[in-house]
Amino acid sequence: MKRIYLAGPFFDDEQVERIEKLEKILTNNSTVESFFSPRTTNLPGEEPGTPEWANKIYHDDVNEILKADLVLAVIDFTGDNVDSGTAFEIGYAVANHKPVIVFHEKTGIVNLMISESIRSYLTTFEDVKKYDFDKMPVKKYNGPVI
């Protein structure tokens, strides 16, 4: 069973709904021991947006990536761009030899730095429900890249 870091944007209702669905799916996947979702991070006593809050969030998140067995990253495009925080989390995971599985429900051309660094590319919630995070079967992205 795997410990997962769930990376992805949660800045609008659609993004929050997508992350919440994935949290429920991971909760019910028998190959998942636990997962960390930055969306649920609560820092009592810290004022969101302050330098102190930002520093604690940053360190908490990178430590959780290091503790995880792998990263499940939602690449949710705004225009032609993936969320910069999610892109950082993917890069940090790769630099620390953590496998990355991408969930890409929406359409958009995937940057080659992401497509070439991931283990698997999933496009539906059903794909995530059925995914064996213990065996981590390879499912490469085969679409256009930039």
N, C-alpha and C. Protein backbone atom coordinates (compact mmCIF):
# COMPACT_ATOMS: atom_id res chain seq x y z
N MET A 1 0.84 -1.18 0.00
CA MET A 1 0.00 0.00 0.00
C MET A 1 0.88 1.25 0.00
N LYS A 2 0.44 2.26 -0.71
CA LYS A 2 1.26 3.46 -0.94
C LYS A 2 0.74 4.69 -0.20
N ARG A 3 1.70 5.54 0.12
CA ARG A 3 1.41 6.88 0.65
C ARG A 3 1.52 7.84 -0.52
N ILE A 4 0.49 8.64 -0.72
CA ILE A 4 0.39 9.49 -1.90
C ILE A 4 0.31 10.96 -1.52
N TYR A 5 1.00 11.77 -2.28
CA TYR A 5 0.86 13.23 -2.20
C TYR A 5 -0.03 13.62 -3.37
N LEU A 6 -1.17 14.26 -3.07
CA LEU A 6 -2.12 14.67 -4.09
C LEU A 6 -1.88 16.14 -4.45
N ALA A 7 -1.26 16.37 -5.60
CA ALA A 7 -0.95 17.72 -6.06
C ALA A 7 -2.02 18.19 -7.03
N GLY A 8 -2.35 19.46 -6.97
CA GLY A 8 -3.30 20.01 -7.93
C GLY A 8 -3.88 21.32 -7.43
N PRO A 9 -4.35 22.12 -8.35
CA PRO A 9 -4.91 23.42 -7.97
C PRO A 9 -6.29 23.28 -7.32
N PHE A 10 -6.59 24.20 -6.43
CA PHE A 10 -7.91 24.23 -5.78
C PHE A 10 -8.32 25.68 -5.54
N PHE A 11 -8.33 26.44 -6.65
CA PHE A 11 -8.59 27.88 -6.57
C PHE A 11 -10.00 28.29 -6.97
N ASP A 12 -10.75 27.37 -7.60
CA ASP A 12 -12.13 27.70 -7.95
C ASP A 12 -12.99 26.46 -7.66
N ASP A 13 -14.30 26.62 -7.78
CA ASP A 13 -15.23 25.54 -7.43
C ASP A 13 -14.99 24.27 -8.24
N GLU A 14 -14.73 24.41 -9.53
CA GLU A 14 -14.49 23.24 -10.37
C GLU A 14 -13.24 22.48 -9.92
N GLN A 15 -12.19 23.20 -9.62
CA GLN A 15 -10.95 22.56 -9.18
C GLN A 15 -11.13 21.88 -7.82
N VAL A 16 -11.82 22.56 -6.90
CA VAL A 16 -12.07 21.97 -5.58
C VAL A 16 -12.90 20.70 -5.72
N GLU A 17 -13.92 20.73 -6.56
CA GLU A 17 -14.76 19.55 -6.78
C GLU A 17 -13.92 18.39 -7.32
N ARG A 18 -13.02 18.67 -8.25
CA ARG A 18 -12.17 17.63 -8.83
C ARG A 18 -11.26 17.02 -7.76
N ILE A 19 -10.63 17.85 -6.96
CA ILE A 19 -9.74 17.36 -5.90
C ILE A 19 -10.54 16.56 -4.87
N GLU A 20 -11.73 17.05 -4.49
CA GLU A 20 -12.55 16.31 -3.53
C GLU A 20 -12.94 14.93 -4.05
N LYS A 21 -13.26 14.83 -5.34
CA LYS A 21 -13.58 13.53 -5.93
C LYS A 21 -12.38 12.59 -5.84
N LEU A 22 -11.19 13.13 -6.14
CA LEU A 22 -9.99 12.31 -6.07
C LEU A 22 -9.68 11.89 -4.63
N GLU A 23 -9.91 12.78 -3.67
CA GLU A 23 -9.71 12.43 -2.26
C GLU A 23 -10.60 11.25 -1.87
N LYS A 24 -11.86 11.27 -2.31
CA LYS A 24 -12.79 10.17 -2.00
C LYS A 24 -12.34 8.88 -2.68
N ILE A 25 -11.90 8.99 -3.92
CA ILE A 25 -11.44 7.80 -4.65
C ILE A 25 -10.21 7.21 -3.96
N LEU A 26 -9.27 8.04 -3.57
CA LEU A 26 -8.07 7.54 -2.90
C LEU A 26 -8.41 6.90 -1.56
N THR A 27 -9.37 7.46 -0.85
CA THR A 27 -9.81 6.90 0.43
C THR A 27 -10.31 5.47 0.25
N ASN A 28 -10.93 5.20 -0.89
CA ASN A 28 -11.53 3.89 -1.13
C ASN A 28 -10.68 2.94 -1.98
N ASN A 29 -9.49 3.37 -2.38
CA ASN A 29 -8.63 2.51 -3.19
C ASN A 29 -7.81 1.62 -2.26
N SER A 30 -7.94 0.32 -2.42
CA SER A 30 -7.29 -0.63 -1.50
C SER A 30 -5.77 -0.64 -1.61
N THR A 31 -5.20 0.00 -2.63
CA THR A 31 -3.74 0.04 -2.76
C THR A 31 -3.16 1.33 -2.19
N VAL A 32 -4.02 2.14 -1.57
CA VAL A 32 -3.59 3.41 -0.96
C VAL A 32 -3.62 3.28 0.55
N GLU A 33 -2.46 3.43 1.17
CA GLU A 33 -2.39 3.41 2.63
C GLU A 33 -2.93 4.72 3.19
N SER A 34 -2.43 5.84 2.61
CA SER A 34 -2.85 7.17 3.05
C SER A 34 -2.48 8.17 1.96
N PHE A 35 -3.03 9.36 2.10
CA PHE A 35 -2.66 10.42 1.16
C PHE A 35 -2.67 11.75 1.88
N PHE A 36 -1.87 12.66 1.34
CA PHE A 36 -1.81 14.04 1.84
C PHE A 36 -2.36 14.94 0.75
N SER A 37 -3.33 15.75 1.11
CA SER A 37 -3.90 16.72 0.18
C SER A 37 -3.67 18.12 0.74
N PRO A 38 -2.83 18.93 0.08
CA PRO A 38 -2.57 20.28 0.58
C PRO A 38 -3.84 21.11 0.76
N ARG A 39 -4.90 20.77 0.03
CA ARG A 39 -6.15 21.49 0.15
C ARG A 39 -6.69 21.47 1.57
N THR A 40 -6.39 20.41 2.31
CA THR A 40 -6.93 20.26 3.65
C THR A 40 -5.98 20.75 4.75
N THR A 41 -4.84 21.30 4.35
CA THR A 41 -3.88 21.80 5.35
C THR A 41 -4.49 22.95 6.13
N ASN A 42 -4.38 22.84 7.43
CA ASN A 42 -4.90 23.88 8.31
C ASN A 42 -3.78 24.30 9.25
N LEU A 43 -3.45 25.57 9.23
CA LEU A 43 -2.42 26.09 10.12
C LEU A 43 -3.06 27.05 11.12
N PRO A 44 -3.50 26.50 12.26
CA PRO A 44 -4.14 27.36 13.25
C PRO A 44 -3.22 28.49 13.69
N GLY A 45 -3.79 29.67 13.79
CA GLY A 45 -3.02 30.82 14.25
C GLY A 45 -2.24 31.53 13.17
N GLU A 46 -2.22 30.98 11.97
CA GLU A 46 -1.49 31.61 10.87
C GLU A 46 -2.46 32.37 9.97
N GLU A 47 -2.08 33.56 9.59
CA GLU A 47 -2.88 34.39 8.70
C GLU A 47 -2.54 34.05 7.26
N PRO A 48 -3.51 33.46 6.50
CA PRO A 48 -3.22 33.13 5.10
C PRO A 48 -2.71 34.34 4.32
N GLY A 49 -1.70 34.09 3.51
CA GLY A 49 -1.12 35.15 2.68
C GLY A 49 0.07 35.85 3.30
N THR A 50 0.33 35.61 4.58
CA THR A 50 1.48 36.26 5.22
C THR A 50 2.76 35.50 4.88
N PRO A 51 3.91 36.15 4.99
CA PRO A 51 5.17 35.44 4.73
C PRO A 51 5.36 34.23 5.65
N GLU A 52 4.95 34.34 6.90
CA GLU A 52 5.11 33.22 7.84
C GLU A 52 4.24 32.03 7.41
N TRP A 53 3.01 32.32 7.02
CA TRP A 53 2.09 31.29 6.54
C TRP A 53 2.67 30.62 5.30
N ALA A 54 3.13 31.42 4.34
CA ALA A 54 3.69 30.88 3.09
C ALA A 54 4.87 29.96 3.36
N ASN A 55 5.74 30.38 4.27
CA ASN A 55 6.92 29.59 4.61
C ASN A 55 6.53 28.25 5.22
N LYS A 56 5.55 28.26 6.12
CA LYS A 56 5.11 27.01 6.75
C LYS A 56 4.43 26.09 5.75
N ILE A 57 3.59 26.65 4.88
CA ILE A 57 2.93 25.84 3.85
C ILE A 57 3.97 25.20 2.94
N TYR A 58 4.92 26.00 2.46
CA TYR A 58 5.96 25.49 1.57
C TYR A 58 6.70 24.31 2.23
N HIS A 59 7.18 24.51 3.44
CA HIS A 59 7.96 23.46 4.11
C HIS A 59 7.11 22.23 4.42
N ASP A 60 5.88 22.45 4.81
CA ASP A 60 4.98 21.33 5.08
C ASP A 60 4.77 20.51 3.80
N ASP A 61 4.50 21.20 2.69
CA ASP A 61 4.23 20.50 1.43
C ASP A 61 5.45 19.74 0.92
N VAL A 62 6.62 20.35 0.91
CA VAL A 62 7.79 19.63 0.40
C VAL A 62 8.15 18.45 1.31
N ASN A 63 7.94 18.60 2.62
CA ASN A 63 8.18 17.47 3.52
C ASN A 63 7.20 16.33 3.25
N GLU A 64 5.97 16.67 2.94
CA GLU A 64 4.98 15.64 2.63
C GLU A 64 5.32 14.93 1.31
N ILE A 65 5.86 15.66 0.34
CA ILE A 65 6.30 15.00 -0.91
C ILE A 65 7.41 14.01 -0.59
N LEU A 66 8.35 14.41 0.26
CA LEU A 66 9.46 13.52 0.61
C LEU A 66 8.98 12.28 1.36
N LYS A 67 7.94 12.40 2.16
CA LYS A 67 7.40 11.25 2.91
C LYS A 67 6.58 10.31 2.03
N ALA A 68 6.07 10.83 0.93
CA ALA A 68 5.18 10.05 0.06
C ALA A 68 5.97 9.04 -0.77
N ASP A 69 5.26 7.99 -1.18
CA ASP A 69 5.84 7.02 -2.10
C ASP A 69 5.75 7.50 -3.54
N LEU A 70 4.74 8.33 -3.81
CA LEU A 70 4.52 8.83 -5.16
C LEU A 70 3.65 10.07 -5.11
N VAL A 71 3.58 10.78 -6.24
CA VAL A 71 2.74 11.96 -6.36
C VAL A 71 1.68 11.70 -7.42
N LEU A 72 0.43 11.97 -7.07
CA LEU A 72 -0.66 12.00 -8.03
C LEU A 72 -0.94 13.46 -8.29
N ALA A 73 -0.69 13.92 -9.52
CA ALA A 73 -0.79 15.34 -9.85
C ALA A 73 -1.91 15.60 -10.85
N VAL A 74 -2.77 16.54 -10.49
CA VAL A 74 -3.84 16.97 -11.38
C VAL A 74 -3.29 18.10 -12.24
N ILE A 75 -3.24 17.88 -13.55
CA ILE A 75 -2.85 18.98 -14.42
C ILE A 75 -4.11 19.56 -15.02
N ASP A 76 -4.50 20.67 -14.45
CA ASP A 76 -5.75 21.36 -14.76
C ASP A 76 -5.38 22.69 -15.42
N PHE A 77 -5.52 22.74 -16.72
CA PHE A 77 -5.06 23.90 -17.46
C PHE A 77 -5.94 25.12 -17.27
N THR A 78 -5.29 26.28 -17.19
CA THR A 78 -5.95 27.58 -17.30
C THR A 78 -5.34 28.20 -18.55
N GLY A 79 -6.11 28.27 -19.61
CA GLY A 79 -5.53 28.67 -20.89
C GLY A 79 -4.59 27.57 -21.34
N ASP A 80 -3.36 27.92 -21.62
CA ASP A 80 -2.36 26.93 -22.05
C ASP A 80 -1.42 26.51 -20.93
N ASN A 81 -1.68 26.94 -19.70
CA ASN A 81 -0.72 26.74 -18.62
C ASN A 81 -1.24 25.86 -17.50
N VAL A 82 -0.39 24.95 -17.05
CA VAL A 82 -0.66 24.14 -15.87
C VAL A 82 -0.38 25.03 -14.66
N ASP A 83 -1.11 24.81 -13.57
CA ASP A 83 -0.87 25.54 -12.33
C ASP A 83 0.61 25.47 -11.96
N SER A 84 1.21 26.61 -11.68
CA SER A 84 2.66 26.66 -11.40
C SER A 84 3.02 25.89 -10.14
N GLY A 85 2.17 25.90 -9.12
CA GLY A 85 2.46 25.14 -7.91
C GLY A 85 2.48 23.64 -8.18
N THR A 86 1.54 23.19 -8.98
CA THR A 86 1.49 21.77 -9.35
C THR A 86 2.71 21.39 -10.18
N ALA A 87 3.10 22.26 -11.09
CA ALA A 87 4.30 22.00 -11.90
C ALA A 87 5.53 21.89 -11.00
N PHE A 88 5.62 22.76 -9.98
CA PHE A 88 6.73 22.67 -9.03
C PHE A 88 6.70 21.33 -8.29
N GLU A 89 5.52 20.93 -7.82
CA GLU A 89 5.40 19.68 -7.07
C GLU A 89 5.81 18.49 -7.93
N ILE A 90 5.44 18.50 -9.20
CA ILE A 90 5.86 17.44 -10.11
C ILE A 90 7.38 17.43 -10.23
N GLY A 91 7.96 18.58 -10.49
CA GLY A 91 9.42 18.68 -10.63
C GLY A 91 10.15 18.27 -9.37
N TYR A 92 9.64 18.68 -8.22
CA TYR A 92 10.28 18.34 -6.94
C TYR A 92 10.22 16.82 -6.71
N ALA A 93 9.07 16.23 -7.03
CA ALA A 93 8.94 14.78 -6.89
C ALA A 93 9.94 14.06 -7.80
N VAL A 94 10.01 14.47 -9.04
CA VAL A 94 10.93 13.84 -9.99
C VAL A 94 12.38 13.99 -9.51
N ALA A 95 12.73 15.18 -9.06
CA ALA A 95 14.10 15.42 -8.58
C ALA A 95 14.43 14.55 -7.37
N ASN A 96 13.41 14.15 -6.63
CA ASN A 96 13.62 13.31 -5.46
C ASN A 96 13.25 11.85 -5.71
N HIS A 97 13.23 11.48 -6.99
CA HIS A 97 13.04 10.09 -7.42
C HIS A 97 11.71 9.49 -6.96
N LYS A 98 10.67 10.33 -6.95
CA LYS A 98 9.32 9.87 -6.62
C LYS A 98 8.55 9.71 -7.92
N PRO A 99 7.92 8.57 -8.14
CA PRO A 99 7.11 8.40 -9.35
C PRO A 99 5.95 9.41 -9.36
N VAL A 100 5.59 9.87 -10.55
CA VAL A 100 4.48 10.81 -10.71
C VAL A 100 3.44 10.19 -11.62
N ILE A 101 2.21 10.21 -11.16
CA ILE A 101 1.06 9.78 -11.95
C ILE A 101 0.26 11.06 -12.19
N VAL A 102 -0.08 11.32 -13.44
CA VAL A 102 -0.82 12.53 -13.77
C VAL A 102 -2.29 12.19 -14.01
N PHE A 103 -3.16 13.04 -13.49
CA PHE A 103 -4.59 12.98 -13.78
C PHE A 103 -4.91 14.21 -14.61
N HIS A 104 -5.40 13.98 -15.84
CA HIS A 104 -5.67 15.08 -16.77
C HIS A 104 -7.06 14.89 -17.36
N GLU A 105 -8.05 15.38 -16.65
CA GLU A 105 -9.43 15.23 -17.09
C GLU A 105 -9.77 16.18 -18.23
N LYS A 106 -9.23 17.37 -18.19
CA LYS A 106 -9.52 18.37 -19.22
C LYS A 106 -8.59 18.18 -20.41
N THR A 107 -8.88 18.89 -21.48
CA THR A 107 -8.01 18.79 -22.65
C THR A 107 -6.94 19.87 -22.59
N GLY A 108 -5.91 19.66 -23.36
CA GLY A 108 -4.81 20.60 -23.44
C GLY A 108 -3.54 19.86 -23.81
N ILE A 109 -2.66 20.53 -24.47
CA ILE A 109 -1.39 19.92 -24.86
C ILE A 109 -0.48 19.90 -23.64
N VAL A 110 0.11 18.76 -23.39
CA VAL A 110 0.97 18.58 -22.22
C VAL A 110 2.40 18.98 -22.56
N ASN A 111 3.00 19.75 -21.68
CA ASN A 111 4.40 20.14 -21.86
C ASN A 111 5.27 18.89 -21.78
N LEU A 112 6.25 18.79 -22.65
CA LEU A 112 7.11 17.61 -22.71
C LEU A 112 7.87 17.37 -21.41
N MET A 113 8.13 18.40 -20.64
CA MET A 113 8.83 18.21 -19.37
C MET A 113 7.95 17.44 -18.38
N ILE A 114 6.65 17.54 -18.55
CA ILE A 114 5.74 16.74 -17.72
C ILE A 114 5.52 15.37 -18.37
N SER A 115 5.20 15.35 -19.65
CA SER A 115 4.88 14.08 -20.30
C SER A 115 6.03 13.08 -20.23
N GLU A 116 7.25 13.56 -20.29
CA GLU A 116 8.41 12.66 -20.28
C GLU A 116 8.87 12.27 -18.89
N SER A 117 8.32 12.92 -17.86
CA SER A 117 8.78 12.63 -16.50
C SER A 117 7.80 11.76 -15.71
N ILE A 118 6.63 11.48 -16.28
CA ILE A 118 5.61 10.78 -15.51
C ILE A 118 5.63 9.27 -15.75
N ARG A 119 5.09 8.56 -14.80
CA ARG A 119 4.97 7.10 -14.91
C ARG A 119 3.68 6.72 -15.63
N SER A 120 2.58 7.38 -15.24
CA SER A 120 1.29 7.06 -15.85
C SER A 120 0.46 8.31 -16.06
N TYR A 121 -0.38 8.24 -17.07
CA TYR A 121 -1.24 9.35 -17.49
C TYR A 121 -2.67 8.85 -17.45
N LEU A 122 -3.46 9.36 -16.51
CA LEU A 122 -4.85 8.93 -16.33
C LEU A 122 -5.78 10.07 -16.69
N THR A 123 -6.92 9.74 -17.32
CA THR A 123 -7.80 10.80 -17.81
C THR A 123 -9.23 10.76 -17.26
N THR A 124 -9.57 9.71 -16.52
CA THR A 124 -10.92 9.64 -15.96
C THR A 124 -10.84 9.25 -14.49
N PHE A 125 -11.90 9.59 -13.77
CA PHE A 125 -11.97 9.19 -12.36
C PHE A 125 -11.98 7.67 -12.25
N GLU A 126 -12.61 7.01 -13.21
CA GLU A 126 -12.64 5.55 -13.22
C GLU A 126 -11.22 4.98 -13.35
N ASP A 127 -10.37 5.63 -14.16
CA ASP A 127 -8.96 5.20 -14.26
C ASP A 127 -8.29 5.23 -12.90
N VAL A 128 -8.55 6.27 -12.12
CA VAL A 128 -7.93 6.40 -10.79
C VAL A 128 -8.51 5.36 -9.84
N LYS A 129 -9.83 5.14 -9.91
CA LYS A 129 -10.47 4.12 -9.06
C LYS A 129 -9.83 2.76 -9.26
N LYS A 130 -9.55 2.42 -10.51
CA LYS A 130 -9.04 1.09 -10.85
C LYS A 130 -7.51 0.99 -10.76
N TYR A 131 -6.83 2.11 -10.63
CA TYR A 131 -5.37 2.11 -10.71
C TYR A 131 -4.78 1.36 -9.52
N ASP A 132 -3.81 0.51 -9.78
CA ASP A 132 -3.10 -0.23 -8.75
C ASP A 132 -1.84 0.57 -8.39
N PHE A 133 -1.91 1.31 -7.30
CA PHE A 133 -0.78 2.15 -6.90
C PHE A 133 0.38 1.33 -6.36
N ASP A 134 0.15 0.07 -6.03
CA ASP A 134 1.25 -0.80 -5.62
C ASP A 134 2.09 -1.21 -6.82
N LYS A 135 1.43 -1.64 -7.89
CA LYS A 135 2.15 -2.10 -9.08
C LYS A 135 2.52 -0.94 -10.00
N MET A 136 1.80 0.15 -9.93
CA MET A 136 2.01 1.35 -10.75
C MET A 136 2.26 1.02 -12.22
N PRO A 137 1.27 0.42 -12.89
CA PRO A 137 1.47 0.12 -14.31
C PRO A 137 1.73 1.39 -15.11
N VAL A 138 2.58 1.27 -16.11
CA VAL A 138 2.94 2.41 -16.95
C VAL A 138 1.83 2.65 -17.97
N LYS A 139 1.42 3.88 -18.06
CA LYS A 139 0.45 4.29 -19.08
C LYS A 139 0.92 5.66 -19.58
N LYS A 140 1.68 5.64 -20.63
CA LYS A 140 2.30 6.87 -21.15
C LYS A 140 1.30 7.81 -21.83
N TYR A 141 1.62 9.08 -21.80
CA TYR A 141 0.89 10.10 -22.53
C TYR A 141 1.31 9.98 -23.99
N ASN A 142 0.33 9.92 -24.91
CA ASN A 142 0.64 9.76 -26.33
C ASN A 142 0.14 10.92 -27.19
N GLY A 143 -0.28 12.01 -26.57
CA GLY A 143 -0.80 13.13 -27.32
C GLY A 143 0.29 14.10 -27.76
N PRO A 144 -0.14 15.22 -28.32
CA PRO A 144 0.84 16.23 -28.74
C PRO A 144 1.52 16.89 -27.54
N VAL A 145 2.74 17.34 -27.74
CA VAL A 145 3.50 18.00 -26.68
C VAL A 145 4.01 19.35 -27.17
N ILE A 146 4.30 20.20 -26.21
CA ILE A 146 4.94 21.48 -26.54
C ILE A 146 6.24 21.58 -25.78
